[in-house]
Amino acid sequence: MRIMVAIDESDGSFHSLKWALNHLVDEIAPTNVPSQEESSLITLVHVHQPFQHYVFPAGPAGAAAFYAPPSIEESVRKAQAENDAALLSRALQMCKDKMIKAESLVLEGDPKDKICQAIEQMQVDLLVLGSRGLGKIKRAFLGSVSDYCAHHAKCPVLIVKPPLEITKETSSKSKER
């Protein structure tokens, strides 16, 4: 069975990985089994937004565009790469601790589309996603990667709800803003 787990900066995505490792381990052979097939592993996928080279300012002169100098673009790309590496390192360590073979994949673009494309290309059997616990109204305005994937992915999708303490932290952070 080939399982893909989407990882981002949220606690909910790491909770979904932990849940998958704890509850789906029986479906995946541990890495110390000599006859393990290539297909029985977890793929950790992280999608980051592409860097926008330009900014459209708001206001009366909003028709003009300002382009970022190459030094800023390089700095942003370097920071994205470091962030991606740190996220996936943490996730890979969680898999290693459970003796589960895992591979990582970093994509650039819209997470909804890129995850669904990766599922088709890699012939994934199950997609595991975390949920941010958005209400219906916020989900309608902000969109939801898990909701989109549940309707468009070419494989079964398991959406793991965050534990109550993560949901409370997220809602209190949004109230502070």
C-alpha atoms as a PDB file:
ATOM      1  CA  MET A   1       0.000   0.000   0.000  1.00  0.00           C
ATOM      2  CA  ARG A   2       1.359   3.406  -1.003  1.00  0.00           C
ATOM      3  CA  ILE A   3       0.341   6.199   1.377  1.00  0.00           C
ATOM      4  CA  MET A   4       0.918   9.914   0.861  1.00  0.00           C
ATOM      5  CA  VAL A   5       0.831  12.312   3.816  1.00  0.00           C
ATOM      6  CA  ALA A   6       0.699  16.060   3.161  1.00  0.00           C
ATOM      7  CA  ILE A   7       2.929  18.087   5.479  1.00  0.00           C
ATOM      8  CA  ASP A   8       2.919  21.830   6.086  1.00  0.00           C
ATOM      9  CA  GLU A   9       3.795  24.153   8.965  1.00  0.00           C
ATOM     10  CA  SER A  10       0.624  23.375  10.900  1.00  0.00           C
ATOM     11  CA  ASP A  11       0.415  21.188  13.973  1.00  0.00           C
ATOM     12  CA  GLY A  12      -2.560  19.509  12.311  1.00  0.00           C
ATOM     13  CA  SER A  13      -0.432  18.078   9.507  1.00  0.00           C
ATOM     14  CA  PHE A  14       2.035  16.556  11.963  1.00  0.00           C
ATOM     15  CA  HIS A  15      -0.870  15.194  13.986  1.00  0.00           C
ATOM     16  CA  SER A  16      -2.178  13.521  10.822  1.00  0.00           C
ATOM     17  CA  LEU A  17       1.247  11.964  10.180  1.00  0.00           C
ATOM     18  CA  LYS A  18       1.425  10.721  13.761  1.00  0.00           C
ATOM     19  CA  TRP A  19      -2.098   9.298  13.436  1.00  0.00           C
ATOM     20  CA  ALA A  20      -1.211   7.550  10.181  1.00  0.00           C
ATOM     21  CA  LEU A  21       1.942   6.056  11.691  1.00  0.00           C
ATOM     22  CA  ASN A  22       0.057   4.840  14.772  1.00  0.00           C
ATOM     23  CA  HIS A  23      -3.031   3.488  13.016  1.00  0.00           C
ATOM     24  CA  LEU A  24      -1.857   2.399   9.566  1.00  0.00           C
ATOM     25  CA  VAL A  25       1.442   0.771  10.599  1.00  0.00           C
ATOM     26  CA  ASP A  26      -0.040  -2.719  10.239  1.00  0.00           C
ATOM     27  CA  GLU A  27      -0.616  -2.003   6.555  1.00  0.00           C
ATOM     28  CA  ILE A  28       3.028  -1.047   5.986  1.00  0.00           C
ATOM     29  CA  ALA A  29       5.950  -3.400   6.499  1.00  0.00           C
ATOM     30  CA  PRO A  30       8.619  -2.026   8.881  1.00  0.00           C
ATOM     31  CA  THR A  31      11.934  -1.138   7.246  1.00  0.00           C
ATOM     32  CA  ASN A  32      13.775  -3.960   9.023  1.00  0.00           C
ATOM     33  CA  VAL A  33      11.813  -6.628   7.108  1.00  0.00           C
ATOM     34  CA  PRO A  34      14.172  -7.917   4.380  1.00  0.00           C
ATOM     35  CA  SER A  35      11.506  -8.595   1.748  1.00  0.00           C
ATOM     36  CA  GLN A  36       9.934  -5.161   1.827  1.00  0.00           C
ATOM     37  CA  GLU A  37       8.545  -4.063  -1.511  1.00  0.00           C
ATOM     38  CA  GLU A  38       9.271  -0.630  -2.969  1.00  0.00           C
ATOM     39  CA  SER A  39       5.553   0.136  -3.060  1.00  0.00           C
ATOM     40  CA  SER A  40       4.974  -0.166   0.699  1.00  0.00           C
ATOM     41  CA  LEU A  41       6.152   3.173   1.982  1.00  0.00           C
ATOM     42  CA  ILE A  42       4.924   6.585   3.010  1.00  0.00           C
ATOM     43  CA  THR A  43       5.501   9.567   0.776  1.00  0.00           C
ATOM     44  CA  LEU A  44       5.680  12.865   2.626  1.00  0.00           C
ATOM     45  CA  VAL A  45       4.703  15.733   0.344  1.00  0.00           C
ATOM     46  CA  HIS A  46       5.179  19.430   1.078  1.00  0.00           C
ATOM     47  CA  VAL A  47       3.993  22.126  -1.332  1.00  0.00           C
ATOM     48  CA  HIS A  48       5.125  25.704  -1.010  1.00  0.00           C
ATOM     49  CA  GLN A  49       3.770  28.703  -2.859  1.00  0.00           C
ATOM     50  CA  PRO A  50       5.938  30.011  -5.705  1.00  0.00           C
ATOM     51  CA  PHE A  51       7.793  33.274  -5.126  1.00  0.00           C
ATOM     52  CA  GLN A  52       6.068  36.257  -6.730  1.00  0.00           C
ATOM     53  CA  HIS A  53       8.663  38.366  -8.544  1.00  0.00           C
ATOM     54  CA  TYR A  54       6.506  41.457  -8.452  1.00  0.00           C
ATOM     55  CA  VAL A  55       4.211  43.401  -6.130  1.00  0.00           C
ATOM     56  CA  PHE A  56       1.198  45.507  -7.084  1.00  0.00           C
ATOM     57  CA  PRO A  57       0.849  48.310  -4.540  1.00  0.00           C
ATOM     58  CA  ALA A  58      -2.597  49.369  -3.413  1.00  0.00           C
ATOM     59  CA  GLY A  59      -3.692  52.956  -3.729  1.00  0.00           C
ATOM     60  CA  PRO A  60      -3.946  55.607  -6.423  1.00  0.00           C
ATOM     61  CA  ALA A  61      -0.780  54.468  -8.215  1.00  0.00           C
ATOM     62  CA  GLY A  62      -1.830  50.824  -8.073  1.00  0.00           C
ATOM     63  CA  ALA A  63      -1.325  50.286 -11.808  1.00  0.00           C
ATOM     64  CA  ALA A  64       2.459  50.093 -11.421  1.00  0.00           C
ATOM     65  CA  ALA A  65       4.272  46.879 -10.558  1.00  0.00           C
ATOM     66  CA  PHE A  66       7.490  46.660  -8.570  1.00  0.00           C
ATOM     67  CA  TYR A  67       9.832  43.789  -9.285  1.00  0.00           C
ATOM     68  CA  ALA A  68      11.963  42.206  -6.579  1.00  0.00           C
ATOM     69  CA  PRO A  69      15.704  42.392  -7.117  1.00  0.00           C
ATOM     70  CA  PRO A  70      17.512  39.075  -7.648  1.00  0.00           C
ATOM     71  CA  SER A  71      19.139  39.273  -4.193  1.00  0.00           C
ATOM     72  CA  ILE A  72      15.728  39.297  -2.470  1.00  0.00           C
ATOM     73  CA  GLU A  73      14.461  36.502  -4.695  1.00  0.00           C
ATOM     74  CA  GLU A  74      17.514  34.376  -3.833  1.00  0.00           C
ATOM     75  CA  SER A  75      17.089  35.115  -0.120  1.00  0.00           C
ATOM     76  CA  VAL A  76      13.427  34.074  -0.187  1.00  0.00           C
ATOM     77  CA  ARG A  77      14.200  30.865  -2.110  1.00  0.00           C
ATOM     78  CA  LYS A  78      16.974  30.009   0.376  1.00  0.00           C
ATOM     79  CA  ALA A  79      14.614  30.569   3.333  1.00  0.00           C
ATOM     80  CA  GLN A  80      11.936  28.412   1.652  1.00  0.00           C
ATOM     81  CA  ALA A  81      14.448  25.608   1.082  1.00  0.00           C
ATOM     82  CA  GLU A  82      15.587  25.745   4.728  1.00  0.00           C
ATOM     83  CA  ASN A  83      11.979  25.704   5.937  1.00  0.00           C
ATOM     84  CA  ASP A  84      11.132  22.774   3.632  1.00  0.00           C
ATOM     85  CA  ALA A  85      14.163  20.826   4.842  1.00  0.00           C
ATOM     86  CA  ALA A  86      13.320  21.426   8.514  1.00  0.00           C
ATOM     87  CA  LEU A  87       9.678  20.358   8.080  1.00  0.00           C
ATOM     88  CA  LEU A  88      10.516  17.218   6.156  1.00  0.00           C
ATOM     89  CA  SER A  89      13.403  16.330   8.464  1.00  0.00           C
ATOM     90  CA  ARG A  90      11.008  16.391  11.423  1.00  0.00           C
ATOM     91  CA  ALA A  91       8.466  14.276   9.524  1.00  0.00           C
ATOM     92  CA  LEU A  92      11.090  11.788   8.284  1.00  0.00           C
ATOM     93  CA  GLN A  93      12.383  11.407  11.847  1.00  0.00           C
ATOM     94  CA  MET A  94       8.866  10.522  13.013  1.00  0.00           C
ATOM     95  CA  CYS A  95       8.740   7.781  10.357  1.00  0.00           C
ATOM     96  CA  LYS A  96      12.229   6.565  11.234  1.00  0.00           C
ATOM     97  CA  ASP A  97      11.262   6.316  14.918  1.00  0.00           C
ATOM     98  CA  LYS A  98       8.431   3.954  13.899  1.00  0.00           C
ATOM     99  CA  MET A  99      10.783   2.079  11.532  1.00  0.00           C
ATOM    100  CA  ILE A 100       8.673   3.004   8.516  1.00  0.00           C
ATOM    101  CA  LYS A 101      10.319   3.616   5.170  1.00  0.00           C
ATOM    102  CA  ALA A 102       9.510   7.120   3.946  1.00  0.00           C
ATOM    103  CA  GLU A 103      10.437   9.368   1.081  1.00  0.00           C
ATOM    104  CA  SER A 104       9.912  13.102   0.799  1.00  0.00           C
ATOM    105  CA  LEU A 105       8.716  15.237  -2.056  1.00  0.00           C
ATOM    106  CA  VAL A 106       8.779  19.047  -2.274  1.00  0.00           C
ATOM    107  CA  LEU A 107       6.589  20.693  -4.889  1.00  0.00           C
ATOM    108  CA  GLU A 108       5.993  24.313  -5.827  1.00  0.00           C
ATOM    109  CA  GLY A 109       2.595  25.737  -6.695  1.00  0.00           C
ATOM    110  CA  ASP A 110      -0.969  25.569  -5.447  1.00  0.00           C
ATOM    111  CA  PRO A 111      -1.085  22.801  -2.812  1.00  0.00           C
ATOM    112  CA  LYS A 112      -4.540  21.604  -3.897  1.00  0.00           C
ATOM    113  CA  ASP A 113      -3.545  21.028  -7.501  1.00  0.00           C
ATOM    114  CA  LYS A 114      -0.015  19.775  -6.873  1.00  0.00           C
ATOM    115  CA  ILE A 115      -1.102  17.158  -4.334  1.00  0.00           C
ATOM    116  CA  CYS A 116      -3.785  15.816  -6.678  1.00  0.00           C
ATOM    117  CA  GLN A 117      -1.294  15.709  -9.579  1.00  0.00           C
ATOM    118  CA  ALA A 118       1.287  13.868  -7.458  1.00  0.00           C
ATOM    119  CA  ILE A 119      -1.338  11.299  -6.429  1.00  0.00           C
ATOM    120  CA  GLU A 120      -2.054  10.469 -10.058  1.00  0.00           C
ATOM    121  CA  GLN A 121       1.603  10.366 -11.127  1.00  0.00           C
ATOM    122  CA  MET A 122       2.709   8.180  -8.204  1.00  0.00           C
ATOM    123  CA  GLN A 123      -0.383   5.955  -8.148  1.00  0.00           C
ATOM    124  CA  VAL A 124      -1.013   6.565  -4.462  1.00  0.00           C
ATOM    125  CA  ASP A 125      -3.475   4.247  -2.685  1.00  0.00           C
ATOM    126  CA  LEU A 126      -4.385   6.590   0.201  1.00  0.00           C
ATOM    127  CA  LEU A 127      -3.928  10.304   0.889  1.00  0.00           C
ATOM    128  CA  VAL A 128      -3.768  11.416   4.526  1.00  0.00           C
ATOM    129  CA  LEU A 129      -4.347  15.085   5.275  1.00  0.00           C
ATOM    130  CA  GLY A 130      -4.683  17.137   8.400  1.00  0.00           C
ATOM    131  CA  SER A 131      -7.577  19.475   8.932  1.00  0.00           C
ATOM    132  CA  ARG A 132      -7.141  23.010  10.253  1.00  0.00           C
ATOM    133  CA  GLY A 133     -10.543  22.830  11.869  1.00  0.00           C
ATOM    134  CA  LEU A 134     -11.971  25.759   9.937  1.00  0.00           C
ATOM    135  CA  GLY A 135     -15.666  26.436  10.255  1.00  0.00           C
ATOM    136  CA  LYS A 136     -17.945  26.458   7.216  1.00  0.00           C
ATOM    137  CA  ILE A 137     -17.677  30.212   6.690  1.00  0.00           C
ATOM    138  CA  LYS A 138     -13.881  30.416   6.960  1.00  0.00           C
ATOM    139  CA  ARG A 139     -13.538  27.347   4.737  1.00  0.00           C
ATOM    140  CA  ALA A 140     -15.770  29.003   2.106  1.00  0.00           C
ATOM    141  CA  PHE A 141     -13.649  32.171   2.043  1.00  0.00           C
ATOM    142  CA  LEU A 142     -10.176  30.720   2.585  1.00  0.00           C
ATOM    143  CA  GLY A 143     -10.610  27.441   0.768  1.00  0.00           C
ATOM    144  CA  SER A 144      -9.513  24.131   2.143  1.00  0.00           C
ATOM    145  CA  VAL A 145      -6.838  21.866   0.727  1.00  0.00           C
ATOM    146  CA  SER A 146      -8.380  18.858   2.467  1.00  0.00           C
ATOM    147  CA  ASP A 147     -11.856  19.674   1.149  1.00  0.00           C
ATOM    148  CA  TYR A 148     -10.560  20.116  -2.410  1.00  0.00           C
ATOM    149  CA  CYS A 149      -8.529  16.890  -2.300  1.00  0.00           C
ATOM    150  CA  ALA A 150     -11.483  14.969  -0.859  1.00  0.00           C
ATOM    151  CA  HIS A 151     -13.476  15.901  -3.959  1.00  0.00           C
ATOM    152  CA  HIS A 152     -10.773  15.744  -6.657  1.00  0.00           C
ATOM    153  CA  ALA A 153      -8.147  13.162  -5.651  1.00  0.00           C
ATOM    154  CA  LYS A 154      -8.074   9.899  -7.611  1.00  0.00           C
ATOM    155  CA  CYS A 155      -7.665   7.817  -4.451  1.00  0.00           C
ATOM    156  CA  PRO A 156      -9.339   7.524  -1.049  1.00  0.00           C
ATOM    157  CA  VAL A 157      -8.650  10.510   1.218  1.00  0.00           C
ATOM    158  CA  LEU A 158      -8.393  10.321   4.996  1.00  0.00           C
ATOM    159  CA  ILE A 159      -8.789  13.688   6.741  1.00  0.00           C
ATOM    160  CA  VAL A 160      -7.532  13.592  10.318  1.00  0.00           C
ATOM    161  CA  LYS A 161      -9.179  16.134  12.571  1.00  0.00           C
ATOM    162  CA  PRO A 162      -6.847  17.957  14.938  1.00  0.00           C
ATOM    163  CA  PRO A 163      -7.061  17.182  18.645  1.00  0.00           C
ATOM    164  CA  LEU A 164      -9.085  19.634  20.677  1.00  0.00           C
ATOM    165  CA  GLU A 165      -6.033  21.410  22.144  1.00  0.00           C
ATOM    166  CA  ILE A 166      -4.648  22.226  18.649  1.00  0.00           C
ATOM    167  CA  THR A 167      -8.045  23.529  17.545  1.00  0.00           C
ATOM    168  CA  LYS A 168      -8.248  25.778  20.626  1.00  0.00           C
ATOM    169  CA  GLU A 169      -4.714  27.134  20.045  1.00  0.00           C
ATOM    170  CA  THR A 170      -5.483  27.910  16.403  1.00  0.00           C
ATOM    171  CA  SER A 171      -8.712  29.709  17.201  1.00  0.00           C
ATOM    172  CA  SER A 172      -7.092  31.757  19.988  1.00  0.00           C
ATOM    173  CA  LYS A 173      -4.235  32.780  17.660  1.00  0.00           C
ATOM    174  CA  SER A 174      -6.681  33.954  14.993  1.00  0.00           C
ATOM    175  CA  LYS A 175      -8.619  35.986  17.592  1.00  0.00           C
ATOM    176  CA  GLU A 176      -5.381  37.753  18.637  1.00  0.00           C
ATOM    177  CA  ARG A 177      -4.800  38.998  15.076  1.00  0.00           C
END
